[in-house]
Protein backbone atom coordinates (compact mmCIF):
# COMPACT_ATOMS: atom_id res chain seq x y z
CA MET A 1 -51.32 -21.65 11.14
CA GLU A 2 -49.13 -24.36 9.66
CA VAL A 3 -45.40 -23.73 9.99
CA GLY A 4 -44.19 -22.69 6.56
CA GLY A 5 -47.69 -21.66 5.49
CA GLY A 6 -48.83 -18.15 4.71
CA LEU A 7 -50.61 -15.61 6.88
CA GLY A 8 -53.84 -14.22 5.60
CA LYS A 9 -54.03 -10.47 5.23
CA LYS A 10 -56.25 -10.26 8.32
CA GLU A 11 -54.48 -12.97 10.32
CA ARG A 12 -51.61 -11.31 12.13
CA ARG A 13 -50.44 -14.11 14.43
CA LEU A 14 -47.08 -14.20 16.18
CA VAL A 15 -44.58 -16.81 15.00
CA ARG A 16 -42.30 -18.53 17.50
CA LEU A 17 -38.63 -18.84 16.65
CA ARG A 18 -35.85 -21.26 17.53
CA CYS A 19 -32.66 -19.19 17.49
CA SER A 20 -28.90 -19.64 17.10
CA VAL A 21 -26.04 -19.30 19.58
CA LYS A 22 -22.38 -18.32 19.11
CA ASN A 23 -19.66 -19.68 21.39
CA TYR A 24 -16.92 -17.10 20.80
CA ASP A 25 -14.12 -17.23 23.36
CA TRP A 26 -14.93 -13.78 24.81
CA GLY A 27 -18.35 -15.00 25.99
CA ARG A 28 -19.28 -15.77 29.60
CA MET A 29 -18.88 -19.34 30.73
CA GLY A 30 -21.76 -21.77 31.15
CA SER A 31 -24.79 -20.75 33.19
CA GLU A 32 -23.11 -17.48 34.22
CA SER A 33 -23.96 -16.34 30.69
CA ARG A 34 -27.40 -14.88 30.01
CA VAL A 35 -26.90 -16.04 26.42
CA ALA A 36 -26.47 -19.63 27.61
CA ARG A 37 -29.64 -19.48 29.69
CA MET A 38 -31.63 -17.84 26.90
CA HIS A 39 -30.49 -20.38 24.33
CA SER A 40 -31.20 -23.31 26.63
CA LEU A 41 -34.72 -22.10 27.39
CA ASN A 42 -35.33 -21.29 23.74
CA SER A 43 -33.99 -24.54 22.28
CA GLY A 44 -34.27 -27.10 25.07
CA VAL A 45 -30.55 -27.81 24.73
CA GLY A 46 -28.63 -28.03 28.01
CA VAL A 47 -25.88 -25.63 29.05
CA VAL A 48 -22.28 -26.86 28.93
CA GLU A 49 -20.64 -25.28 31.97
CA ASP A 50 -17.07 -25.15 30.62
CA LYS A 51 -18.11 -23.57 27.31
CA PRO A 52 -18.31 -19.82 26.54
CA TYR A 53 -21.66 -18.46 25.35
CA ALA A 54 -21.26 -15.09 23.62
CA GLU A 55 -24.16 -14.23 21.29
CA PHE A 56 -27.80 -15.26 20.83
CA TRP A 57 -28.92 -14.42 17.28
CA MET A 58 -32.53 -13.64 16.32
CA GLY A 59 -33.12 -13.05 12.63
CA THR A 60 -32.38 -14.26 9.14
CA HIS A 61 -28.62 -13.93 8.62
CA GLU A 62 -27.22 -17.12 7.13
CA SER A 63 -24.41 -17.26 9.71
CA GLY A 64 -26.97 -17.73 12.51
CA PRO A 65 -30.50 -18.24 11.17
CA SER A 66 -33.68 -18.57 13.20
CA PHE A 67 -36.21 -21.32 12.51
CA MET A 68 -39.99 -21.60 12.80
CA VAL A 69 -41.49 -23.52 15.71
CA ARG A 70 -45.02 -24.95 15.76
CA SER A 71 -47.22 -23.80 18.66
CA ALA A 72 -49.97 -25.63 20.51
CA GLU A 73 -53.46 -24.15 20.72
CA ASN A 74 -52.62 -22.42 24.02
CA GLY A 75 -49.60 -20.75 22.46
CA ALA A 76 -46.95 -22.91 24.13
CA ALA A 77 -44.09 -24.25 22.03
CA THR A 78 -44.40 -27.96 21.24
CA GLY A 79 -40.88 -28.66 20.06
CA LEU A 80 -38.97 -28.75 16.79
CA GLU A 81 -41.70 -30.15 14.58
CA GLY A 82 -41.60 -28.07 11.45
CA GLY A 83 -38.48 -26.36 12.75
CA SER A 84 -36.51 -27.04 9.59
CA VAL A 85 -38.23 -24.06 7.95
CA SER A 86 -36.03 -21.01 8.37
CA LEU A 87 -37.48 -17.60 9.06
CA ASN A 88 -35.66 -16.34 5.98
CA SER A 89 -37.23 -18.87 3.62
CA TRP A 90 -40.67 -18.39 5.18
CA ILE A 91 -40.45 -14.60 4.68
CA ALA A 92 -39.37 -15.16 1.07
CA GLN A 93 -42.55 -17.20 0.54
CA ASN A 94 -44.70 -14.71 2.49
CA PRO A 95 -43.22 -11.25 1.84
CA ASP A 96 -46.44 -9.51 2.89
CA VAL A 97 -45.41 -10.11 6.53
CA LEU A 98 -42.72 -7.43 6.04
CA GLY A 99 -45.16 -4.76 4.90
CA ASP A 100 -45.22 -2.96 1.55
CA LYS A 101 -42.81 -0.15 2.50
CA VAL A 102 -40.19 -2.55 3.83
CA VAL A 103 -40.42 -4.75 0.72
CA LYS A 104 -40.05 -1.69 -1.50
CA LYS A 105 -36.89 -0.59 0.36
CA TRP A 106 -35.18 -3.91 1.22
CA GLY A 107 -36.88 -6.53 -0.91
CA HIS A 108 -37.86 -9.86 0.66
CA ASN A 109 -35.29 -9.42 3.45
CA LEU A 110 -35.64 -8.69 7.14
CA PRO A 111 -33.55 -5.50 7.39
CA PHE A 112 -32.36 -5.97 10.98
CA LEU A 113 -30.60 -8.59 13.11
CA PHE A 114 -31.34 -8.80 16.86
CA LYS A 115 -28.91 -10.28 19.42
CA VAL A 116 -28.25 -10.80 23.12
CA LEU A 117 -24.56 -10.53 24.14
CA SER A 118 -22.76 -11.82 27.24
CA VAL A 119 -19.27 -10.29 27.29
CA ALA A 120 -16.68 -11.65 29.73
CA LYS A 121 -13.57 -10.07 28.18
CA GLY A 122 -12.71 -7.50 25.56
CA LEU A 123 -13.84 -8.00 21.98
CA SER A 124 -11.63 -7.01 19.10
CA ILE A 125 -10.89 -3.41 18.15
CA GLN A 126 -13.11 -3.27 15.10
CA ALA A 127 -15.33 -1.34 12.75
CA HIS A 128 -18.05 -2.30 10.30
CA PRO A 129 -17.81 -1.17 6.67
CA ASP A 130 -20.27 1.10 4.92
CA LYS A 131 -22.35 -0.32 2.08
CA GLU A 132 -19.90 0.58 -0.68
CA LEU A 133 -16.89 -0.94 1.09
CA ALA A 134 -18.88 -4.00 2.19
CA GLU A 135 -19.69 -4.79 -1.44
CA VAL A 136 -16.00 -4.54 -2.39
CA LEU A 137 -14.77 -6.65 0.56
CA HIS A 138 -17.41 -9.34 0.00
CA LYS A 139 -16.42 -9.62 -3.66
CA LEU A 140 -12.69 -9.82 -2.86
CA GLN A 141 -12.84 -12.02 0.27
CA PRO A 142 -16.24 -13.76 0.50
CA ASN A 143 -14.95 -16.26 3.06
CA VAL A 144 -14.04 -13.42 5.45
CA TYR A 145 -16.68 -10.80 4.62
CA LYS A 146 -19.73 -12.99 4.20
CA ASP A 147 -22.28 -10.47 2.94
CA ASP A 148 -22.35 -7.20 1.03
CA ASN A 149 -24.30 -5.13 3.54
CA HIS A 150 -23.31 -2.35 5.92
CA LYS A 151 -23.68 -2.86 9.67
CA PRO A 152 -24.67 0.16 11.74
CA GLU A 153 -25.57 -1.10 15.22
CA MET A 154 -26.83 -0.19 18.68
CA VAL A 155 -26.26 -1.79 22.08
CA LEU A 156 -28.78 -1.44 24.92
CA ALA A 157 -27.32 -2.42 28.29
CA LEU A 158 -28.98 -5.14 30.38
CA THR A 159 -26.31 -4.77 33.09
CA GLU A 160 -23.49 -2.31 33.61
CA PHE A 161 -21.74 -2.40 30.25
CA GLU A 162 -18.30 -1.12 29.23
CA ALA A 163 -16.97 -0.31 25.78
CA LEU A 164 -14.24 1.55 23.97
CA CYS A 165 -15.89 3.75 21.39
CA GLY A 166 -14.45 6.34 19.03
CA PHE A 167 -11.41 8.55 19.55
CA ILE A 168 -10.67 11.08 22.24
CA ARG A 169 -10.08 14.63 21.04
CA LEU A 170 -6.62 15.84 20.03
CA GLU A 171 -7.01 18.71 22.47
CA VAL A 172 -9.68 20.08 24.78
CA ALA A 173 -11.55 22.99 23.23
CA TYR A 174 -10.78 26.48 24.57
CA MET A 175 -14.15 26.75 26.35
CA TRP A 176 -13.53 23.58 28.32
CA ARG A 177 -10.02 24.67 29.27
CA PHE A 178 -11.51 27.91 30.61
CA LEU A 179 -14.11 26.01 32.64
CA PHE A 180 -11.48 23.64 34.02
CA GLN A 181 -9.24 26.55 34.99
CA PHE A 182 -12.00 28.11 37.09
CA ASN A 183 -13.40 24.76 38.21
CA PHE A 184 -16.78 25.19 36.50
CA ALA A 185 -18.90 22.44 34.92
CA VAL A 186 -16.47 19.66 35.78
CA PRO A 187 -18.03 16.32 34.73
CA THR A 188 -19.13 14.09 37.61
CA ASP A 189 -18.93 10.89 35.57
CA SER A 190 -15.43 9.43 35.91
CA CYS A 191 -15.33 8.16 32.32
CA MET A 192 -16.43 11.51 30.91
CA ARG A 193 -13.90 13.34 33.09
CA GLU A 194 -11.06 11.17 31.76
CA GLU A 195 -12.10 11.62 28.13
CA TRP A 196 -11.80 15.39 28.50
CA MET A 197 -8.07 14.72 28.76
CA GLU A 198 -6.96 15.33 25.18
CA LEU A 199 -4.63 13.16 23.12
CA LYS A 200 -1.85 15.68 23.72
CA GLY A 201 -2.07 14.81 27.39
CA VAL A 202 -1.99 11.08 26.63
CA LEU A 203 1.22 11.42 24.61
CA GLN A 204 2.80 13.45 27.41
CA ASN A 205 1.76 10.98 30.12
CA VAL A 206 2.15 7.63 28.34
CA PRO A 207 5.75 7.59 27.10
CA GLU A 208 5.39 4.01 25.88
CA ILE A 209 3.21 5.26 23.00
CA LEU A 210 6.02 7.61 21.94
CA GLU A 211 8.43 4.69 21.91
CA VAL A 212 6.21 2.86 19.43
CA ILE A 213 5.22 5.67 17.05
CA GLY A 214 8.33 7.89 17.27
CA SER A 215 8.67 11.60 18.00
CA ALA A 216 7.93 12.77 14.45
CA TYR A 217 4.40 11.36 14.58
CA ALA A 218 3.87 12.53 18.15
CA ASN A 219 4.87 16.07 17.18
CA GLN A 220 1.99 16.19 14.71
CA VAL A 221 -0.34 16.06 17.71
CA LEU A 222 1.72 18.16 20.08
CA HIS A 223 1.97 21.00 17.52
CA PHE A 224 -1.72 20.86 16.59
CA ASN A 225 -4.07 23.64 17.70
CA GLU A 226 -7.81 23.90 17.29
CA GLN A 227 -7.51 26.67 14.70
CA ASP A 228 -6.08 24.04 12.33
CA GLY A 229 -9.61 22.74 11.89
CA GLU A 230 -11.48 19.43 11.96
CA GLU A 231 -10.10 17.94 8.76
CA LYS A 232 -6.53 18.58 9.89
CA ALA A 233 -7.37 16.95 13.24
CA LYS A 234 -8.69 13.86 11.46
CA ALA A 235 -5.60 13.64 9.24
CA VAL A 236 -3.26 13.88 12.25
CA LEU A 237 -5.23 11.26 14.17
CA ARG A 238 -5.28 8.93 11.18
CA SER A 239 -1.49 9.27 10.83
CA ILE A 240 -0.87 8.51 14.53
CA PHE A 241 -3.32 5.60 14.72
CA THR A 242 -2.07 3.99 11.50
CA GLN A 243 1.52 4.18 12.70
CA LEU A 244 0.61 2.66 16.07
CA MET A 245 -1.49 -0.20 14.70
CA SER A 246 1.06 -0.97 11.97
CA ALA A 247 3.64 -1.56 14.69
CA SER A 248 1.82 -4.82 15.42
CA ASN A 249 3.92 -6.25 12.59
CA SER A 250 6.89 -5.98 14.97
CA ARG A 251 5.94 -8.13 17.94
CA GLU A 252 9.22 -7.31 19.67
CA VAL A 253 8.50 -3.56 19.65
CA ILE A 254 5.00 -4.00 21.07
CA SER A 255 6.12 -6.56 23.65
CA LYS A 256 8.87 -4.26 24.91
CA ALA A 257 6.59 -1.22 25.13
CA LEU A 258 3.86 -3.17 26.91
CA SER A 259 6.33 -4.62 29.38
CA LYS A 260 7.47 -1.11 30.30
CA LEU A 261 3.89 0.18 30.47
CA ILE A 262 2.61 -2.59 32.74
CA SER A 263 5.65 -2.35 35.02
CA ARG A 264 5.24 1.41 35.32
CA LEU A 265 1.52 1.26 36.08
CA THR A 266 2.01 -1.55 38.59
CA MET A 267 4.58 0.52 40.46
CA GLU A 268 2.54 3.73 40.30
CA LYS A 269 -0.52 1.89 41.61
CA LYS A 270 1.31 1.54 44.91
CA VAL A 271 1.55 5.31 45.38
CA ARG A 272 -1.47 6.74 43.58
CA GLU A 273 -4.94 5.79 42.38
CA LEU A 274 -4.87 4.80 38.73
CA THR A 275 -7.40 6.25 36.34
CA ASP A 276 -10.20 4.04 35.00
CA LYS A 277 -8.42 3.92 31.64
CA GLU A 278 -5.15 2.79 33.26
CA GLU A 279 -6.98 0.08 35.21
CA LEU A 280 -8.64 -1.03 31.98
CA VAL A 281 -5.27 -1.26 30.22
CA LEU A 282 -3.96 -3.56 32.99
CA GLN A 283 -7.06 -5.71 32.57
CA LEU A 284 -6.77 -5.90 28.78
CA GLU A 285 -3.09 -6.82 28.94
CA LYS A 286 -3.95 -9.89 31.02
CA GLN A 287 -6.53 -10.90 28.41
CA TYR A 288 -4.42 -10.10 25.33
CA PRO A 289 -0.69 -10.04 26.20
CA ASP A 290 1.66 -8.51 23.63
CA ASP A 291 -1.29 -7.02 21.71
CA VAL A 292 -1.02 -3.51 20.25
CA GLY A 293 -4.69 -2.99 21.08
CA VAL A 294 -3.80 -2.68 24.76
CA ILE A 295 -1.70 0.43 24.07
CA ALA A 296 -4.22 1.75 21.54
CA ALA A 297 -6.93 1.78 24.24
CA PHE A 298 -5.48 5.08 25.48
CA LEU A 299 -6.68 6.73 22.25
CA PHE A 300 -10.35 5.72 22.66
CA ASN A 301 -13.30 6.90 24.72
CA HIS A 302 -13.99 4.57 27.65
CA VAL A 303 -17.79 4.37 27.89
CA LYS A 304 -19.75 2.93 30.81
CA LEU A 305 -23.46 2.30 30.32
CA ASN A 306 -25.97 1.61 33.08
CA ALA A 307 -28.82 -0.84 32.49
CA GLY A 308 -31.35 0.88 30.23
CA GLU A 309 -28.79 3.11 28.46
CA ALA A 310 -27.85 2.64 24.81
CA LEU A 311 -25.02 3.49 22.46
CA TYR A 312 -25.19 3.51 18.66
CA LEU A 313 -22.38 3.14 16.11
CA GLY A 314 -22.43 4.11 12.46
CA ALA A 315 -20.44 2.49 9.68
CA ASN A 316 -16.66 2.94 9.89
CA GLU A 317 -16.80 3.85 13.61
CA LEU A 318 -14.16 2.18 15.75
CA HIS A 319 -15.24 0.29 18.90
CA ALA A 320 -14.53 -2.65 21.20
CA TYR A 321 -16.95 -4.02 23.79
CA ILE A 322 -15.25 -4.75 27.09
CA TYR A 323 -17.63 -6.27 29.64
CA GLY A 324 -21.30 -6.77 30.49
CA GLU A 325 -24.53 -7.97 28.93
CA CYS A 326 -26.73 -6.22 26.41
CA VAL A 327 -29.22 -6.56 23.61
CA GLU A 328 -27.79 -5.48 20.28
CA CYS A 329 -29.54 -4.57 17.06
CA MET A 330 -27.98 -3.89 13.66
CA ALA A 331 -28.54 -3.99 9.95
CA THR A 332 -28.53 -7.61 8.77
CA SER A 333 -24.80 -8.18 8.32
CA ASP A 334 -21.86 -9.96 9.92
CA ASN A 335 -19.04 -7.91 8.39
CA VAL A 336 -16.25 -7.02 10.83
CA VAL A 337 -12.84 -5.49 10.11
CA ARG A 338 -10.45 -6.12 13.05
CA ALA A 339 -7.05 -4.81 14.07
CA GLY A 340 -6.39 -5.58 17.74
CA LEU A 341 -7.43 -7.42 20.92
CA THR A 342 -8.15 -10.58 18.99
CA PRO A 343 -6.63 -13.89 17.84
CA LYS A 344 -8.81 -13.67 14.71
CA ASN A 345 -7.91 -12.41 11.26
CA ARG A 346 -6.74 -8.77 11.29
CA ASP A 347 -6.74 -6.28 8.45
CA VAL A 348 -4.94 -3.23 9.82
CA LYS A 349 -4.58 -1.52 6.46
CA ILE A 350 -8.30 -1.66 5.66
CA LEU A 351 -9.36 -0.67 9.18
CA CYS A 352 -7.07 2.36 9.33
CA SER A 353 -8.16 3.53 5.88
CA MET A 354 -11.92 3.14 6.44
CA LEU A 355 -12.43 4.93 9.78
CA THR A 356 -14.19 8.29 10.05
CA TYR A 357 -11.76 9.47 12.77
CA LYS A 358 -14.59 11.34 14.40
CA GLN A 359 -13.51 12.55 17.84
CA GLY A 360 -15.30 13.17 21.11
CA PHE A 361 -17.52 11.28 23.53
CA PRO A 362 -20.42 9.39 21.86
CA GLU A 363 -24.10 10.13 22.40
CA ILE A 364 -25.77 8.02 25.10
CA LEU A 365 -29.46 7.26 24.55
CA LYS A 366 -31.68 7.08 27.64
CA GLY A 367 -34.78 5.97 25.75
CA VAL A 368 -37.93 7.95 24.95
CA PRO A 369 -40.90 6.91 27.17
CA LEU A 370 -43.90 5.91 25.07
CA ASN A 371 -46.00 5.09 28.15
CA PRO A 372 -45.30 4.03 31.76
CA TYR A 373 -43.94 0.65 30.61
CA ILE A 374 -42.20 1.09 27.25
CA SER A 375 -39.15 3.17 26.29
CA ARG A 376 -37.97 3.46 22.71
CA TYR A 377 -34.37 3.79 21.51
CA ILE A 378 -34.13 5.41 18.08
CA PRO A 379 -30.72 5.50 16.34
CA PRO A 380 -30.15 7.50 13.13
CA PHE A 381 -30.48 4.42 10.91
CA ASP A 382 -33.50 3.30 8.88
CA GLU A 383 -33.12 -0.41 9.52
CA PHE A 384 -33.97 -0.63 13.21
CA GLU A 385 -35.09 0.69 16.58
CA VAL A 386 -35.47 -1.09 19.93
CA ASP A 387 -38.23 -0.96 22.56
CA ARG A 388 -37.63 -1.87 26.22
CA CYS A 389 -40.76 -3.00 28.08
CA ILE A 390 -40.75 -3.54 31.86
CA LEU A 391 -44.21 -4.69 32.89
CA ARG A 392 -45.15 -5.09 36.56
CA LEU A 393 -47.14 -8.16 37.66
CA GLY A 394 -50.72 -7.99 36.42
CA ALA A 395 -50.14 -4.95 34.20
CA SER A 396 -50.97 -4.80 30.49
CA VAL A 397 -49.72 -2.70 27.61
CA VAL A 398 -50.41 -2.50 23.88
CA PHE A 399 -47.81 -2.36 21.13
CA PRO A 400 -49.71 -0.54 18.35
CA ALA A 401 -49.70 -1.92 14.83
CA VAL A 402 -46.74 -0.71 12.76
CA PRO A 403 -46.18 -0.97 8.98
CA GLY A 404 -43.15 -3.26 9.39
CA PRO A 405 -42.08 -6.51 11.09
CA SER A 406 -40.86 -6.91 14.68
CA ILE A 407 -39.00 -9.49 16.75
CA PHE A 408 -39.82 -9.80 20.46
CA VAL A 409 -37.62 -11.52 23.03
CA VAL A 410 -38.70 -12.29 26.60
CA MET A 411 -35.76 -11.61 28.90
CA MET A 412 -37.50 -12.30 32.22
CA GLY A 413 -40.88 -13.34 33.62
CA GLN A 414 -44.04 -14.83 32.16
CA GLY A 415 -47.04 -13.41 30.40
CA ARG A 416 -49.49 -13.40 27.52
CA MET A 417 -49.09 -11.83 24.08
CA GLN A 418 -52.30 -11.45 22.14
CA THR A 419 -53.13 -10.39 18.59
CA SER A 420 -56.62 -10.00 17.13
CA SER A 421 -56.69 -13.69 16.20
CA HIS A 422 -54.54 -15.57 18.70
CA GLU A 423 -52.99 -15.62 22.19
CA ASP A 424 -49.51 -16.88 23.07
CA LEU A 425 -48.23 -17.76 26.52
CA VAL A 426 -44.67 -16.51 26.82
CA LYS A 427 -41.79 -16.86 29.25
CA GLU A 428 -38.06 -16.16 29.52
CA GLY A 429 -36.21 -17.38 26.43
CA ASP A 430 -39.17 -17.09 24.05
CA VAL A 431 -38.59 -15.25 20.77
CA LEU A 432 -41.48 -14.29 18.51
CA PHE A 433 -41.72 -12.74 15.06
CA ALA A 434 -44.57 -10.25 14.60
CA PRO A 435 -45.75 -9.52 11.05
CA ALA A 436 -46.44 -6.01 9.83
CA SER A 437 -49.72 -4.41 10.95
CA ALA A 438 -50.14 -6.66 14.01
CA GLU A 439 -51.40 -4.91 17.15
CA ILE A 440 -50.10 -6.81 20.17
CA SER A 441 -51.43 -6.71 23.73
CA VAL A 442 -49.02 -7.92 26.43
CA THR A 443 -49.92 -8.89 30.02
CA SER A 444 -47.57 -9.94 32.81
CA THR A 445 -49.03 -12.98 34.58
CA ALA A 446 -46.57 -14.52 37.05
CA SER A 447 -43.92 -11.91 37.83
CA GLU A 448 -42.48 -8.71 36.39
CA LEU A 449 -42.11 -9.20 32.64
CA HIS A 450 -39.06 -7.87 30.77
CA LEU A 451 -39.61 -7.78 27.02
CA TYR A 452 -37.51 -6.27 24.21
CA ARG A 453 -38.70 -5.51 20.69
CA ALA A 454 -36.66 -4.82 17.55
CA GLY A 455 -38.37 -3.29 14.55
CA VAL A 456 -37.80 -1.04 11.55
CA ASN A 457 -37.10 2.54 12.59
CA THR A 458 -40.30 4.58 13.00
CA ARG A 459 -38.58 7.51 11.27
CA PHE A 460 -38.34 5.43 8.09
CA PHE A 461 -42.12 5.06 7.89
CA SER A 462 -42.67 8.74 8.71
CA ALA A 463 -40.33 9.83 5.93
CA SER A 464 -41.38 7.31 3.27
């Protein structure tokens, strides 16, 4: 197949990609970053040891496009010849590679964006707009909000991975208070145990928050009871959070409150064991001094994922990744509304107005085993799903043909990927686009092979 040429209806070959890297300052430095290693192996460009490597992008978004790479007869990449053809433009010329159902729903566009992240320090407190808001923001500020799409997303941990995600509850439900009182069903996970401490408890135990928001706002929480209902709870939480984040306009107020908070926790650490959330706050303050996001962290769920666990986030859901490495998949968008833990542009008013204010610990996906080697992670979004394939040396597995496109990334090892018409030798750092209706056989040849696949959500094809 010539790079830039079409694929015949019966020729379902894999297409190698040369992918983009992002050097955001929260990324891991040099060769300590999986992103740096992946990009170097994928592109042939050396790693700069004093440079942060944050994200490795695989897809068609204009902010980090992937390009076609010619392959030799044995399936090995031969360099950048033909590499000026972007995956996006090639798909536009060959829309059949997306499959009829995908074209009908999303046009000549790859509906998902696939990434690898290497996180060394906290990302911004942020949320991604829904489709309606994204269209408005893109029209008003196209230099900031660079597309008009929504951005639901999912992270799948490659290492231990920490994040702040969603809000803790205003108060623990009556059933849980009963269980705590009689010491039944107490969570064993330290993060989950802490998040059962309601916001009322936070306001009573973190006086520095009261100093920032004032007693009138705090009383809205302290006088709340569960009979007031979910909508009342959301309204109270929105009021408290907006007041707190708006205080960032007064640097002196935030600086004073943080100084008291850090001094208090440092002293208390000498006489008691701090909670995970308190330790996290000390860590974030070192990364982002005088930032309101450090105080706001007390309001969020502190989530810890093990390798192989995933977390999904809908539009208008607040989150901030803290540490670790992961693969991430999302609808094709780069829209982010920020309000803390960042030197970048903030839009507190928009963020506080757009959030769902959903409360409680998020769902953790463990993956659904498809066979002994592949687990599938299925979020409630049409645009994407992710497969995790761990293939022992010498083992083989088949990815059945699906009606939509896929992107494969080799995270570790070496092997062969074979379609009905062609075989590719693959190794760590290789990224391949698979057209719709391609059945792919994978064999591990030199060591255990770790392979990840992003594709359109299977539920979309079942429902359409």
